[in-house]
PDB file of N, CA and C in Angstrom:
ATOM      1  N   MET A   1      95.373 101.870  93.537  1.00  0.00           N
ATOM      2  CA  MET A   1      94.770 103.169  93.426  1.00  0.00           C
ATOM      3  C   MET A   1      94.442 103.757  94.783  1.00  0.00           C
ATOM      4  N   TRP A   2      94.138 102.900  95.785  1.00  0.00           N
ATOM      5  CA  TRP A   2      93.804 103.434  97.099  1.00  0.00           C
ATOM      6  C   TRP A   2      95.000 104.094  97.762  1.00  0.00           C
ATOM      7  N   ALA A   3      96.197 103.658  97.408  1.00  0.00           N
ATOM      8  CA  ALA A   3      97.380 104.273  98.017  1.00  0.00           C
ATOM      9  C   ALA A   3      97.442 105.753  97.683  1.00  0.00           C
ATOM     10  N   ALA A   4      96.963 106.118  96.529  1.00  0.00           N
ATOM     11  CA  ALA A   4      96.991 107.523  96.123  1.00  0.00           C
ATOM     12  C   ALA A   4      95.855 108.317  96.769  1.00  0.00           C
ATOM     13  N   ASN A   5      94.857 107.620  97.313  1.00  0.00           N
ATOM     14  CA  ASN A   5      93.675 108.286  97.870  1.00  0.00           C
ATOM     15  C   ASN A   5      93.352 107.794  99.281  1.00  0.00           C
ATOM     16  N   TRP A   6      94.339 107.314 100.007  1.00  0.00           N
ATOM     17  CA  TRP A   6      94.056 106.665 101.277  1.00  0.00           C
ATOM     18  C   TRP A   6      93.444 107.605 102.312  1.00  0.00           C
ATOM     19  N   ARG A   7      93.794 108.866 102.287  1.00  0.00           N
ATOM     20  CA  ARG A   7      93.189 109.787 103.267  1.00  0.00           C
ATOM     21  C   ARG A   7      91.677 109.902 103.045  1.00  0.00           C
ATOM     22  N   GLU A   8      91.265 109.984 101.796  1.00  0.00           N
ATOM     23  CA  GLU A   8      89.835 110.030 101.483  1.00  0.00           C
ATOM     24  C   GLU A   8      89.166 108.710 101.869  1.00  0.00           C
ATOM     25  N   MET A   9      89.851 107.596 101.646  1.00  0.00           N
ATOM     26  CA  MET A   9      89.315 106.286 102.010  1.00  0.00           C
ATOM     27  C   MET A   9      89.070 106.222 103.517  1.00  0.00           C
ATOM     28  N   ILE A  10      90.005 106.724 104.306  1.00  0.00           N
ATOM     29  CA  ILE A  10      89.869 106.701 105.761  1.00  0.00           C
ATOM     30  C   ILE A  10      88.651 107.506 106.200  1.00  0.00           C
ATOM     31  N   ARG A  11      88.464 108.663 105.604  1.00  0.00           N
ATOM     32  CA  ARG A  11      87.309 109.505 105.953  1.00  0.00           C
ATOM     33  C   ARG A  11      86.006 108.862 105.505  1.00  0.00           C
ATOM     34  N   THR A  12      85.961 108.403 104.263  1.00  0.00           N
ATOM     35  CA  THR A  12      84.744 107.810 103.695  1.00  0.00           C
ATOM     36  C   THR A  12      84.356 106.522 104.412  1.00  0.00           C
ATOM     37  N   ALA A  13      85.350 105.722 104.782  1.00  0.00           N
ATOM     38  CA  ALA A  13      85.082 104.454 105.468  1.00  0.00           C
ATOM     39  C   ALA A  13      84.680 104.657 106.930  1.00  0.00           C
ATOM     40  N   GLY A  14      84.810 105.880 107.408  1.00  0.00           N
ATOM     41  CA  GLY A  14      84.414 106.175 108.775  1.00  0.00           C
ATOM     42  C   GLY A  14      85.451 105.798 109.817  1.00  0.00           C
ATOM     43  N   LEU A  15      86.696 105.554 109.385  1.00  0.00           N
ATOM     44  CA  LEU A  15      87.743 105.248 110.359  1.00  0.00           C
ATOM     45  C   LEU A  15      88.049 106.467 111.213  1.00  0.00           C
ATOM     46  N   SER A  16      87.972 107.631 110.602  1.00  0.00           N
ATOM     47  CA  SER A  16      88.236 108.880 111.314  1.00  0.00           C
ATOM     48  C   SER A  16      87.670 110.033 110.494  1.00  0.00           C
ATOM     49  N   LYS A  17      87.100 111.007 111.168  1.00  0.00           N
ATOM     50  CA  LYS A  17      86.631 112.194 110.462  1.00  0.00           C
ATOM     51  C   LYS A  17      87.800 113.031 109.962  1.00  0.00           C
ATOM     52  N   ASN A  18      88.920 112.896 110.659  1.00  0.00           N
ATOM     53  CA  ASN A  18      90.132 113.630 110.291  1.00  0.00           C
ATOM     54  C   ASN A  18      91.103 112.655 109.631  1.00  0.00           C
ATOM     55  N   PRO A  19      91.280 112.737 108.309  1.00  0.00           N
ATOM     56  CA  PRO A  19      92.148 111.786 107.623  1.00  0.00           C
ATOM     57  C   PRO A  19      93.620 111.904 108.014  1.00  0.00           C
ATOM     58  N   ASP A  20      93.978 112.954 108.724  1.00  0.00           N
ATOM     59  CA  ASP A  20      95.354 113.095 109.196  1.00  0.00           C
ATOM     60  C   ASP A  20      95.537 112.538 110.606  1.00  0.00           C
ATOM     61  N   ASP A  21      94.463 111.973 111.172  1.00  0.00           N
ATOM     62  CA  ASP A  21      94.537 111.351 112.495  1.00  0.00           C
ATOM     63  C   ASP A  21      95.062 109.924 112.318  1.00  0.00           C
ATOM     64  N   ILE A  22      96.366 109.827 112.110  1.00  0.00           N
ATOM     65  CA  ILE A  22      97.005 108.549 111.832  1.00  0.00           C
ATOM     66  C   ILE A  22      96.862 107.597 113.016  1.00  0.00           C
ATOM     67  N   LYS A  23      96.942 108.128 114.222  1.00  0.00           N
ATOM     68  CA  LYS A  23      96.877 107.284 115.421  1.00  0.00           C
ATOM     69  C   LYS A  23      95.560 106.498 115.463  1.00  0.00           C
ATOM     70  N   MET A  24      94.436 107.162 115.222  1.00  0.00           N
ATOM     71  CA  MET A  24      93.135 106.493 115.263  1.00  0.00           C
ATOM     72  C   MET A  24      93.020 105.472 114.132  1.00  0.00           C
ATOM     73  N   SER A  25      93.421 105.855 112.934  1.00  0.00           N
ATOM     74  CA  SER A  25      93.332 104.934 111.803  1.00  0.00           C
ATOM     75  C   SER A  25      94.233 103.727 112.019  1.00  0.00           C
ATOM     76  N   LYS A  26      95.429 103.965 112.553  1.00  0.00           N
ATOM     77  CA  LYS A  26      96.345 102.859 112.825  1.00  0.00           C
ATOM     78  C   LYS A  26      95.744 101.914 113.857  1.00  0.00           C
ATOM     79  N   PHE A  27      95.082 102.469 114.865  1.00  0.00           N
ATOM     80  CA  PHE A  27      94.413 101.645 115.879  1.00  0.00           C
ATOM     81  C   PHE A  27      93.395 100.714 115.221  1.00  0.00           C
ATOM     82  N   VAL A  28      92.597 101.254 114.312  1.00  0.00           N
ATOM     83  CA  VAL A  28      91.577 100.447 113.629  1.00  0.00           C
ATOM     84  C   VAL A  28      92.230  99.370 112.773  1.00  0.00           C
ATOM     85  N   PHE A  29      93.245  99.736 112.009  1.00  0.00           N
ATOM     86  CA  PHE A  29      93.949  98.755 111.180  1.00  0.00           C
ATOM     87  C   PHE A  29      94.574  97.661 112.048  1.00  0.00           C
ATOM     88  N   ASP A  30      95.203  98.058 113.146  1.00  0.00           N
ATOM     89  CA  ASP A  30      95.819  97.078 114.048  1.00  0.00           C
ATOM     90  C   ASP A  30      94.761  96.142 114.627  1.00  0.00           C
ATOM     91  N   TYR A  31      93.636  96.706 115.059  1.00  0.00           N
ATOM     92  CA  TYR A  31      92.550  95.913 115.636  1.00  0.00           C
ATOM     93  C   TYR A  31      92.006  94.905 114.629  1.00  0.00           C
ATOM     94  N   ALA A  32      91.950  95.321 113.359  1.00  0.00           N
ATOM     95  CA  ALA A  32      91.465  94.434 112.299  1.00  0.00           C
ATOM     96  C   ALA A  32      92.504  93.380 111.905  1.00  0.00           C
ATOM     97  N   GLY A  33      93.724  93.562 112.377  1.00  0.00           N
ATOM     98  CA  GLY A  33      94.770  92.589 112.089  1.00  0.00           C
ATOM     99  C   GLY A  33      95.499  92.809 110.777  1.00  0.00           C
ATOM    100  N   TYR A  34      95.344  93.989 110.196  1.00  0.00           N
ATOM    101  CA  TYR A  34      96.022  94.260 108.931  1.00  0.00           C
ATOM    102  C   TYR A  34      97.525  94.402 109.160  1.00  0.00           C
ATOM    103  N   LYS A  35      98.292  93.735 108.299  1.00  0.00           N
ATOM    104  CA  LYS A  35      99.751  93.766 108.415  1.00  0.00           C
ATOM    105  C   LYS A  35     100.420  94.119 107.093  1.00  0.00           C
ATOM    106  N   LYS A  36      99.674  94.025 105.994  1.00  0.00           N
ATOM    107  CA  LYS A  36     100.268  94.203 104.672  1.00  0.00           C
ATOM    108  C   LYS A  36      99.417  95.124 103.803  1.00  0.00           C
ATOM    109  N   VAL A  37     100.091  95.728 102.840  1.00  0.00           N
ATOM    110  CA  VAL A  37      99.417  96.473 101.782  1.00  0.00           C
ATOM    111  C   VAL A  37      99.848  95.810 100.474  1.00  0.00           C
ATOM    112  N   ALA A  38      98.894  95.543  99.606  1.00  0.00           N
ATOM    113  CA  ALA A  38      99.202  94.888  98.337  1.00  0.00           C
ATOM    114  C   ALA A  38      99.353  95.936  97.240  1.00  0.00           C
ATOM    115  N   ARG A  39     100.432  95.816  96.506  1.00  0.00           N
ATOM    116  CA  ARG A  39     100.669  96.675  95.336  1.00  0.00           C
ATOM    117  C   ARG A  39     100.494  95.753  94.131  1.00  0.00           C
ATOM    118  N   ILE A  40      99.420  95.999  93.370  1.00  0.00           N
ATOM    119  CA  ILE A  40      99.087  95.125  92.245  1.00  0.00           C
ATOM    120  C   ILE A  40      99.549  95.768  90.949  1.00  0.00           C
ATOM    121  N   ASN A  41     100.420  95.076  90.248  1.00  0.00           N
ATOM    122  CA  ASN A  41     100.918  95.559  88.963  1.00  0.00           C
ATOM    123  C   ASN A  41      99.978  95.078  87.866  1.00  0.00           C
ATOM    124  N   THR A  42      99.173  96.004  87.348  1.00  0.00           N
ATOM    125  CA  THR A  42      98.247  95.669  86.265  1.00  0.00           C
ATOM    126  C   THR A  42      98.772  96.155  84.918  1.00  0.00           C
ATOM    127  N   GLY A  43      99.897  96.847  84.947  1.00  0.00           N
ATOM    128  CA  GLY A  43     100.426  97.428  83.725  1.00  0.00           C
ATOM    129  C   GLY A  43      99.889  98.826  83.468  1.00  0.00           C
ATOM    130  N   LEU A  44      98.908  99.251  84.257  1.00  0.00           N
ATOM    131  CA  LEU A  44      98.354 100.597  84.127  1.00  0.00           C
ATOM    132  C   LEU A  44      99.185 101.566  84.958  1.00  0.00           C
ATOM    133  N   VAL A  45      99.479 102.702  84.411  1.00  0.00           N
ATOM    134  CA  VAL A  45     100.204 103.737  85.143  1.00  0.00           C
ATOM    135  C   VAL A  45      99.428 105.035  84.941  1.00  0.00           C
ATOM    136  N   TYR A  46      98.652 105.407  85.955  1.00  0.00           N
ATOM    137  CA  TYR A  46      97.831 106.607  85.793  1.00  0.00           C
ATOM    138  C   TYR A  46      97.805 107.477  87.035  1.00  0.00           C
ATOM    139  N   GLU A  47      98.376 107.017  88.148  1.00  0.00           N
ATOM    140  CA  GLU A  47      98.411 107.825  89.361  1.00  0.00           C
ATOM    141  C   GLU A  47      99.795 108.466  89.497  1.00  0.00           C
ATOM    142  N   LYS A  48      99.813 109.769  89.613  1.00  0.00           N
ATOM    143  CA  LYS A  48     101.071 110.487  89.808  1.00  0.00           C
ATOM    144  C   LYS A  48     101.655 110.110  91.175  1.00  0.00           C
ATOM    145  N   ASP A  49     102.949 109.838  91.216  1.00  0.00           N
ATOM    146  CA  ASP A  49     103.663 109.533  92.460  1.00  0.00           C
ATOM    147  C   ASP A  49     103.095 108.323  93.197  1.00  0.00           C
ATOM    148  N   PHE A  50     102.581 107.353  92.449  1.00  0.00           N
ATOM    149  CA  PHE A  50     101.963 106.183  93.061  1.00  0.00           C
ATOM    150  C   PHE A  50     102.916 105.455  94.004  1.00  0.00           C
ATOM    151  N   GLU A  51     104.143 105.220  93.549  1.00  0.00           N
ATOM    152  CA  GLU A  51     105.112 104.488  94.376  1.00  0.00           C
ATOM    153  C   GLU A  51     105.357 105.211  95.695  1.00  0.00           C
ATOM    154  N   ALA A  52     105.492 106.520  95.649  1.00  0.00           N
ATOM    155  CA  ALA A  52     105.710 107.304  96.869  1.00  0.00           C
ATOM    156  C   ALA A  52     104.494 107.197  97.789  1.00  0.00           C
ATOM    157  N   CYS A  53     103.308 107.174  97.229  1.00  0.00           N
ATOM    158  CA  CYS A  53     102.083 107.044  98.027  1.00  0.00           C
ATOM    159  C   CYS A  53     102.027 105.682  98.726  1.00  0.00           C
ATOM    160  N   VAL A  54     102.392 104.631  98.014  1.00  0.00           N
ATOM    161  CA  VAL A  54     102.404 103.290  98.607  1.00  0.00           C
ATOM    162  C   VAL A  54     103.400 103.242  99.759  1.00  0.00           C
ATOM    163  N   ARG A  55     104.581 103.781  99.537  1.00  0.00           N
ATOM    164  CA  ARG A  55     105.604 103.779 100.585  1.00  0.00           C
ATOM    165  C   ARG A  55     105.151 104.594 101.809  1.00  0.00           C
ATOM    166  N   GLU A  56     104.525 105.758 101.563  1.00  0.00           N
ATOM    167  CA  GLU A  56     104.041 106.579 102.675  1.00  0.00           C
ATOM    168  C   GLU A  56     102.977 105.825 103.473  1.00  0.00           C
ATOM    169  N   PHE A  57     102.019 105.238 102.789  1.00  0.00           N
ATOM    170  CA  PHE A  57     100.939 104.494 103.441  1.00  0.00           C
ATOM    171  C   PHE A  57     101.507 103.343 104.273  1.00  0.00           C
ATOM    172  N   SER A  58     102.416 102.585 103.689  1.00  0.00           N
ATOM    173  CA  SER A  58     102.983 101.442 104.409  1.00  0.00           C
ATOM    174  C   SER A  58     103.835 101.899 105.596  1.00  0.00           C
ATOM    175  N   ARG A  59     104.544 102.997 105.447  1.00  0.00           N
ATOM    176  CA  ARG A  59     105.374 103.511 106.545  1.00  0.00           C
ATOM    177  C   ARG A  59     104.514 104.013 107.698  1.00  0.00           C
ATOM    178  N   LEU A  60     103.499 104.805 107.391  1.00  0.00           N
ATOM    179  CA  LEU A  60     102.657 105.387 108.436  1.00  0.00           C
ATOM    180  C   LEU A  60     101.925 104.323 109.249  1.00  0.00           C
ATOM    181  N   PHE A  61     101.488 103.263 108.580  1.00  0.00           N
ATOM    182  CA  PHE A  61     100.699 102.235 109.257  1.00  0.00           C
ATOM    183  C   PHE A  61     101.483 100.959 109.540  1.00  0.00           C
ATOM    184  N   GLU A  62     102.796 101.040 109.260  1.00  0.00           N
ATOM    185  CA  GLU A  62     103.702  99.923 109.537  1.00  0.00           C
ATOM    186  C   GLU A  62     103.260  98.640 108.838  1.00  0.00           C
ATOM    187  N   PHE A  63     102.891  98.765 107.574  1.00  0.00           N
ATOM    188  CA  PHE A  63     102.494  97.625 106.752  1.00  0.00           C
ATOM    189  C   PHE A  63     103.665  97.163 105.904  1.00  0.00           C
ATOM    190  N   GLU A  64     103.730  95.862 105.691  1.00  0.00           N
ATOM    191  CA  GLU A  64     104.678  95.289 104.741  1.00  0.00           C
ATOM    192  C   GLU A  64     104.069  95.414 103.347  1.00  0.00           C
ATOM    193  N   ILE A  65     104.867  95.798 102.367  1.00  0.00           N
ATOM    194  CA  ILE A  65     104.378  95.902 100.985  1.00  0.00           C
ATOM    195  C   ILE A  65     104.528  94.539 100.312  1.00  0.00           C
ATOM    196  N   THR A  66     103.437  94.040  99.766  1.00  0.00           N
ATOM    197  CA  THR A  66     103.428  92.783  99.033  1.00  0.00           C
ATOM    198  C   THR A  66     103.118  93.099  97.577  1.00  0.00           C
ATOM    199  N   ASP A  67     103.985  92.676  96.674  1.00  0.00           N
ATOM    200  CA  ASP A  67     103.777  92.916  95.250  1.00  0.00           C
ATOM    201  C   ASP A  67     103.058  91.734  94.617  1.00  0.00           C
ATOM    202  N   LEU A  68     102.012  92.037  93.852  1.00  0.00           N
ATOM    203  CA  LEU A  68     101.238  91.022  93.155  1.00  0.00           C
ATOM    204  C   LEU A  68     101.136  91.391  91.686  1.00  0.00           C
ATOM    205  N   GLU A  69     101.077  90.399  90.848  1.00  0.00           N
ATOM    206  CA  GLU A  69     100.852  90.638  89.425  1.00  0.00           C
ATOM    207  C   GLU A  69      99.360  90.579  89.148  1.00  0.00           C
ATOM    208  N   GLY A  70      98.883  91.488  88.352  1.00  0.00           N
ATOM    209  CA  GLY A  70      97.478  91.525  87.983  1.00  0.00           C
ATOM    210  C   GLY A  70      97.340  91.604  86.481  1.00  0.00           C
ATOM    211  N   THR A  71      96.136  91.573  86.013  1.00  0.00           N
ATOM    212  CA  THR A  71      95.854  91.662  84.580  1.00  0.00           C
ATOM    213  C   THR A  71      94.739  92.675  84.369  1.00  0.00           C
ATOM    214  N   MET A  72      94.526  93.023  83.149  1.00  0.00           N
ATOM    215  CA  MET A  72      93.402  93.911  82.831  1.00  0.00           C
ATOM    216  C   MET A  72      92.083  93.227  83.188  1.00  0.00           C
ATOM    217  N   LYS A  73      92.028  91.914  83.117  1.00  0.00           N
ATOM    218  CA  LYS A  73      90.811  91.183  83.479  1.00  0.00           C
ATOM    219  C   LYS A  73      90.478  91.433  84.954  1.00  0.00           C
ATOM    220  N   LEU A  74      91.497  91.466  85.803  1.00  0.00           N
ATOM    221  CA  LEU A  74      91.289  91.768  87.216  1.00  0.00           C
ATOM    222  C   LEU A  74      90.678  93.158  87.374  1.00  0.00           C
ATOM    223  N   VAL A  75      91.226  94.128  86.682  1.00  0.00           N
ATOM    224  CA  VAL A  75      90.714  95.501  86.744  1.00  0.00           C
ATOM    225  C   VAL A  75      89.267  95.548  86.253  1.00  0.00           C
ATOM    226  N   GLU A  76      88.999  94.898  85.148  1.00  0.00           N
ATOM    227  CA  GLU A  76      87.640  94.878  84.587  1.00  0.00           C
ATOM    228  C   GLU A  76      86.648  94.227  85.547  1.00  0.00           C
ATOM    229  N   ASN A  77      87.043  93.115  86.164  1.00  0.00           N
ATOM    230  CA  ASN A  77      86.153  92.433  87.113  1.00  0.00           C
ATOM    231  C   ASN A  77      85.868  93.296  88.340  1.00  0.00           C
ATOM    232  N   CYS A  78      86.899  93.949  88.872  1.00  0.00           N
ATOM    233  CA  CYS A  78      86.707  94.830  90.030  1.00  0.00           C
ATOM    234  C   CYS A  78      85.768  95.982  89.680  1.00  0.00           C
ATOM    235  N   TYR A  79      85.967  96.565  88.505  1.00  0.00           N
ATOM    236  CA  TYR A  79      85.108  97.662  88.068  1.00  0.00           C
ATOM    237  C   TYR A  79      83.656  97.185  87.931  1.00  0.00           C
ATOM    238  N   ALA A  80      83.469  96.038  87.309  1.00  0.00           N
ATOM    239  CA  ALA A  80      82.114  95.511  87.100  1.00  0.00           C
ATOM    240  C   ALA A  80      81.420  95.238  88.433  1.00  0.00           C
ATOM    241  N   LYS A  81      82.135  94.646  89.384  1.00  0.00           N
ATOM    242  CA  LYS A  81      81.544  94.360  90.697  1.00  0.00           C
ATOM    243  C   LYS A  81      81.195  95.650  91.437  1.00  0.00           C
ATOM    244  N   THR A  82      82.079  96.625  91.365  1.00  0.00           N
ATOM    245  CA  THR A  82      81.825  97.897  92.031  1.00  0.00           C
ATOM    246  C   THR A  82      80.631  98.596  91.398  1.00  0.00           C
ATOM    247  N   LYS A  83      80.583  98.605  90.096  1.00  0.00           N
ATOM    248  CA  LYS A  83      79.475  99.243  89.374  1.00  0.00           C
ATOM    249  C   LYS A  83      78.152  98.573  89.740  1.00  0.00           C
ATOM    250  N   THR A  84      78.126  97.253  89.766  1.00  0.00           N
ATOM    251  CA  THR A  84      76.916  96.514  90.115  1.00  0.00           C
ATOM    252  C   THR A  84      76.503  96.835  91.536  1.00  0.00           C
ATOM    253  N   SER A  85      77.466  96.874  92.452  1.00  0.00           N
ATOM    254  CA  SER A  85      77.180  97.168  93.840  1.00  0.00           C
ATOM    255  C   SER A  85      76.567  98.554  94.014  1.00  0.00           C
ATOM    256  N   VAL A  86      77.137  99.529  93.316  1.00  0.00           N
ATOM    257  CA  VAL A  86      76.622 100.906  93.397  1.00  0.00           C
ATOM    258  C   VAL A  86      75.221 100.986  92.803  1.00  0.00           C
ATOM    259  N   LEU A  87      75.020 100.361  91.663  1.00  0.00           N
ATOM    260  CA  LEU A  87      73.697 100.403  91.025  1.00  0.00           C
ATOM    261  C   LEU A  87      72.645  99.677  91.872  1.00  0.00           C
ATOM    262  N   ASP A  88      73.022  98.560  92.495  1.00  0.00           N
ATOM    263  CA  ASP A  88      72.093  97.816  93.336  1.00  0.00           C
ATOM    264  C   ASP A  88      71.709  98.609  94.589  1.00  0.00           C
ATOM    265  N   SER A  89      72.667  99.379  95.111  1.00  0.00           N
ATOM    266  CA  SER A  89      72.390 100.128  96.339  1.00  0.00           C
ATOM    267  C   SER A  89      71.519 101.357  96.087  1.00  0.00           C
ATOM    268  N   THR A  90      71.437 101.803  94.844  1.00  0.00           N
ATOM    269  CA  THR A  90      70.616 102.971  94.526  1.00  0.00           C
ATOM    270  C   THR A  90      69.243 102.573  94.008  1.00  0.00           C
ATOM    271  N   ALA A  91      69.056 101.295  93.787  1.00  0.00           N
ATOM    272  CA  ALA A  91      67.763 100.827  93.235  1.00  0.00           C
ATOM    273  C   ALA A  91      66.707 100.707  94.307  1.00  0.00           C
TER     274      ALA A  91
END
């Protein structure tokens, strides 16, 4: 899902105020040692042009695409952890 929203992720994460500043974001990713982007197949298809977004993200940041199989349980666990984290931070 982040592949479809990576520009917003870059801005929100504070990598760059300008999500189109690929050079700065790439510098941060390189410094962190990131080399791959994971594409997790959960069987859900809800993002328009998802494959194109993954390819664009990997091309711009020179990441290798790694395909992983996922399950609905993975999605449910990620959602539950995120929800708990958000609720804990507002308490």
